[in-house]
Amino acid sequence: MVVTGLGPYPVEALGSAGVRDAVARWLRLVAADAELAPYLIGVDRARLAGHLALTLTVALGGPAGDIARPAAGAWRGLGLTEEQHRRVVDYLAGVLWALDVPAGAVDAARRAFADEAGA
């Protein structure tokens, strides 16, 4: 089964390097947050970044290959509270706004990661 992108933004406009850059910026913001940083201790950040990049690619309209629900579990196992998870997603939105990603695509990305927490 091939899953296509969920968002209104042509992911090609950002490109795979742009998606990886967005995820790297996002993770730096989370790691710099004094309350959130402890949740990343011992986490394989390269693996997390890869998963986040895939989920973001799908949210922005790109293909997901054969995964049915790519967002499941990227942040879930870290033990974040709902409020902390919302802040993580807000950091993503800020990164995407800074990269001039259109509002509809930012909203799609927020939904993809909010859905991940069951929100």
C-alpha atoms as a PDB file:
ATOM      1  CA  MET A   1       0.000   0.000   0.000  1.00  0.00           C
ATOM      2  CA  VAL A   2       1.399   3.398  -0.942  1.00  0.00           C
ATOM      3  CA  VAL A   3       0.388   6.362   1.176  1.00  0.00           C
ATOM      4  CA  THR A   4       0.438   9.736  -0.492  1.00  0.00           C
ATOM      5  CA  GLY A   5       0.909  13.079   1.160  1.00  0.00           C
ATOM      6  CA  LEU A   6      -1.769  14.513   3.350  1.00  0.00           C
ATOM      7  CA  GLY A   7      -0.889  18.187   3.030  1.00  0.00           C
ATOM      8  CA  PRO A   8      -1.536  20.870   0.432  1.00  0.00           C
ATOM      9  CA  TYR A   9       2.145  21.763  -0.025  1.00  0.00           C
ATOM     10  CA  PRO A  10       4.285  20.254  -2.759  1.00  0.00           C
ATOM     11  CA  VAL A  11       7.071  18.761  -0.650  1.00  0.00           C
ATOM     12  CA  GLU A  12       9.359  19.107  -3.655  1.00  0.00           C
ATOM     13  CA  ALA A  13       9.375  22.863  -2.987  1.00  0.00           C
ATOM     14  CA  LEU A  14      11.222  22.186   0.268  1.00  0.00           C
ATOM     15  CA  GLY A  15      13.035  19.100  -0.980  1.00  0.00           C
ATOM     16  CA  SER A  16      14.413  16.223   1.039  1.00  0.00           C
ATOM     17  CA  ALA A  17      17.388  18.318   2.169  1.00  0.00           C
ATOM     18  CA  GLY A  18      14.980  21.039   3.292  1.00  0.00           C
ATOM     19  CA  VAL A  19      12.908  18.533   5.237  1.00  0.00           C
ATOM     20  CA  ARG A  20      16.047  17.188   6.937  1.00  0.00           C
ATOM     21  CA  ASP A  21      17.126  20.762   7.718  1.00  0.00           C
ATOM     22  CA  ALA A  22      13.696  21.561   9.173  1.00  0.00           C
ATOM     23  CA  VAL A  23      13.844  18.460  11.381  1.00  0.00           C
ATOM     24  CA  ALA A  24      17.394  19.290  12.520  1.00  0.00           C
ATOM     25  CA  ARG A  25      16.301  22.825  13.457  1.00  0.00           C
ATOM     26  CA  TRP A  26      13.241  21.419  15.212  1.00  0.00           C
ATOM     27  CA  LEU A  27      15.275  18.962  17.263  1.00  0.00           C
ATOM     28  CA  ARG A  28      17.750  21.715  18.210  1.00  0.00           C
ATOM     29  CA  LEU A  29      14.872  23.808  19.550  1.00  0.00           C
ATOM     30  CA  VAL A  30      13.489  20.895  21.544  1.00  0.00           C
ATOM     31  CA  ALA A  31      16.955  20.065  22.882  1.00  0.00           C
ATOM     32  CA  ALA A  32      17.461  23.706  23.912  1.00  0.00           C
ATOM     33  CA  ASP A  33      14.212  23.754  25.898  1.00  0.00           C
ATOM     34  CA  ALA A  34      15.179  23.139  29.536  1.00  0.00           C
ATOM     35  CA  GLU A  35      11.954  21.264  30.260  1.00  0.00           C
ATOM     36  CA  LEU A  36      12.007  19.103  27.112  1.00  0.00           C
ATOM     37  CA  ALA A  37      15.738  18.383  26.799  1.00  0.00           C
ATOM     38  CA  PRO A  38      15.782  15.661  29.488  1.00  0.00           C
ATOM     39  CA  TYR A  39      13.332  13.623  27.399  1.00  0.00           C
ATOM     40  CA  LEU A  40      15.979  13.328  24.681  1.00  0.00           C
ATOM     41  CA  ILE A  41      18.635  11.842  26.965  1.00  0.00           C
ATOM     42  CA  GLY A  42      19.540   8.408  25.672  1.00  0.00           C
ATOM     43  CA  VAL A  43      17.350   8.779  22.573  1.00  0.00           C
ATOM     44  CA  ASP A  44      18.827   7.762  19.235  1.00  0.00           C
ATOM     45  CA  ARG A  45      18.415  11.197  17.671  1.00  0.00           C
ATOM     46  CA  ALA A  46      19.410  10.051  14.201  1.00  0.00           C
ATOM     47  CA  ARG A  47      16.632   7.467  14.235  1.00  0.00           C
ATOM     48  CA  LEU A  48      14.161   9.975  15.693  1.00  0.00           C
ATOM     49  CA  ALA A  49      15.164  12.544  13.057  1.00  0.00           C
ATOM     50  CA  GLY A  50      14.632  10.011  10.273  1.00  0.00           C
ATOM     51  CA  HIS A  51      11.180   9.147  11.564  1.00  0.00           C
ATOM     52  CA  LEU A  52      10.259  12.816  11.983  1.00  0.00           C
ATOM     53  CA  ALA A  53      11.511  13.601   8.468  1.00  0.00           C
ATOM     54  CA  LEU A  54       9.358  10.830   7.004  1.00  0.00           C
ATOM     55  CA  THR A  55       6.298  12.017   8.908  1.00  0.00           C
ATOM     56  CA  LEU A  56       6.924  15.622   7.899  1.00  0.00           C
ATOM     57  CA  THR A  57       7.386  14.601   4.264  1.00  0.00           C
ATOM     58  CA  VAL A  58       3.997  12.887   4.292  1.00  0.00           C
ATOM     59  CA  ALA A  59       2.346  15.804   6.087  1.00  0.00           C
ATOM     60  CA  LEU A  60       3.678  18.195   3.442  1.00  0.00           C
ATOM     61  CA  GLY A  61       2.363  16.130   0.574  1.00  0.00           C
ATOM     62  CA  GLY A  62       5.111  13.644  -0.170  1.00  0.00           C
ATOM     63  CA  PRO A  63       5.000   9.861  -0.463  1.00  0.00           C
ATOM     64  CA  ALA A  64       5.326   7.567   2.540  1.00  0.00           C
ATOM     65  CA  GLY A  65       6.156   4.351   0.768  1.00  0.00           C
ATOM     66  CA  ASP A  66       4.465   1.391   2.390  1.00  0.00           C
ATOM     67  CA  ILE A  67       3.822   2.722   5.908  1.00  0.00           C
ATOM     68  CA  ALA A  68       0.192   3.122   6.817  1.00  0.00           C
ATOM     69  CA  ARG A  69       0.573   5.620   9.667  1.00  0.00           C
ATOM     70  CA  PRO A  70       4.060   7.127   9.709  1.00  0.00           C
ATOM     71  CA  ALA A  71       3.452   9.463  12.661  1.00  0.00           C
ATOM     72  CA  ALA A  72       2.702   6.700  15.139  1.00  0.00           C
ATOM     73  CA  GLY A  73       5.254   6.710  17.890  1.00  0.00           C
ATOM     74  CA  ALA A  74       7.805   9.391  16.999  1.00  0.00           C
ATOM     75  CA  TRP A  75       7.349  11.253  20.289  1.00  0.00           C
ATOM     76  CA  ARG A  76       4.936   8.897  22.056  1.00  0.00           C
ATOM     77  CA  GLY A  77       7.466   6.775  23.896  1.00  0.00           C
ATOM     78  CA  LEU A  78       9.261   9.726  25.476  1.00  0.00           C
ATOM     79  CA  GLY A  79       6.666  10.269  28.190  1.00  0.00           C
ATOM     80  CA  LEU A  80       5.784  13.857  27.325  1.00  0.00           C
ATOM     81  CA  THR A  81       2.702  15.400  28.864  1.00  0.00           C
ATOM     82  CA  GLU A  82       0.049  16.706  26.499  1.00  0.00           C
ATOM     83  CA  GLU A  83       1.221  20.272  27.164  1.00  0.00           C
ATOM     84  CA  GLN A  84       4.841  19.362  26.431  1.00  0.00           C
ATOM     85  CA  HIS A  85       3.823  17.590  23.255  1.00  0.00           C
ATOM     86  CA  ARG A  86       1.932  20.695  22.124  1.00  0.00           C
ATOM     87  CA  ARG A  87       5.066  22.758  22.719  1.00  0.00           C
ATOM     88  CA  VAL A  88       7.115  20.312  20.616  1.00  0.00           C
ATOM     89  CA  VAL A  89       4.579  20.715  17.790  1.00  0.00           C
ATOM     90  CA  ASP A  90       4.655  24.508  18.229  1.00  0.00           C
ATOM     91  CA  TYR A  91       8.429  24.391  17.705  1.00  0.00           C
ATOM     92  CA  LEU A  92       7.842  22.546  14.433  1.00  0.00           C
ATOM     93  CA  ALA A  93       5.354  25.190  13.318  1.00  0.00           C
ATOM     94  CA  GLY A  94       7.861  27.921  14.113  1.00  0.00           C
ATOM     95  CA  VAL A  95      10.559  26.214  12.059  1.00  0.00           C
ATOM     96  CA  LEU A  96       8.213  25.791   9.097  1.00  0.00           C
ATOM     97  CA  TRP A  97       7.055  29.424   9.291  1.00  0.00           C
ATOM     98  CA  ALA A  98      10.719  30.514   9.308  1.00  0.00           C
ATOM     99  CA  LEU A  99      11.237  28.458   6.134  1.00  0.00           C
ATOM    100  CA  ASP A 100       8.270  30.222   4.469  1.00  0.00           C
ATOM    101  CA  VAL A 101       6.175  27.078   4.250  1.00  0.00           C
ATOM    102  CA  PRO A 102       2.575  28.126   3.462  1.00  0.00           C
ATOM    103  CA  ALA A 103       0.056  28.268   6.308  1.00  0.00           C
ATOM    104  CA  GLY A 104      -2.010  25.332   5.011  1.00  0.00           C
ATOM    105  CA  ALA A 105       1.036  23.090   4.955  1.00  0.00           C
ATOM    106  CA  VAL A 106       2.094  24.224   8.433  1.00  0.00           C
ATOM    107  CA  ASP A 107      -1.403  23.333   9.650  1.00  0.00           C
ATOM    108  CA  ALA A 108      -1.172  19.917   7.960  1.00  0.00           C
ATOM    109  CA  ALA A 109       2.166  19.256   9.667  1.00  0.00           C
ATOM    110  CA  ARG A 110       0.766  20.349  13.038  1.00  0.00           C
ATOM    111  CA  ARG A 111      -2.167  17.978  12.583  1.00  0.00           C
ATOM    112  CA  ALA A 112       0.093  15.077  11.631  1.00  0.00           C
ATOM    113  CA  PHE A 113       2.147  15.425  14.785  1.00  0.00           C
ATOM    114  CA  ALA A 114      -0.805  16.352  17.034  1.00  0.00           C
ATOM    115  CA  ASP A 115      -2.611  13.227  15.825  1.00  0.00           C
ATOM    116  CA  GLU A 116       0.412  11.206  16.829  1.00  0.00           C
ATOM    117  CA  ALA A 117      -0.280  11.928  20.485  1.00  0.00           C
ATOM    118  CA  GLY A 118      -3.944  11.143  20.092  1.00  0.00           C
ATOM    119  CA  ALA A 119      -4.777  14.833  20.416  1.00  0.00           C
END
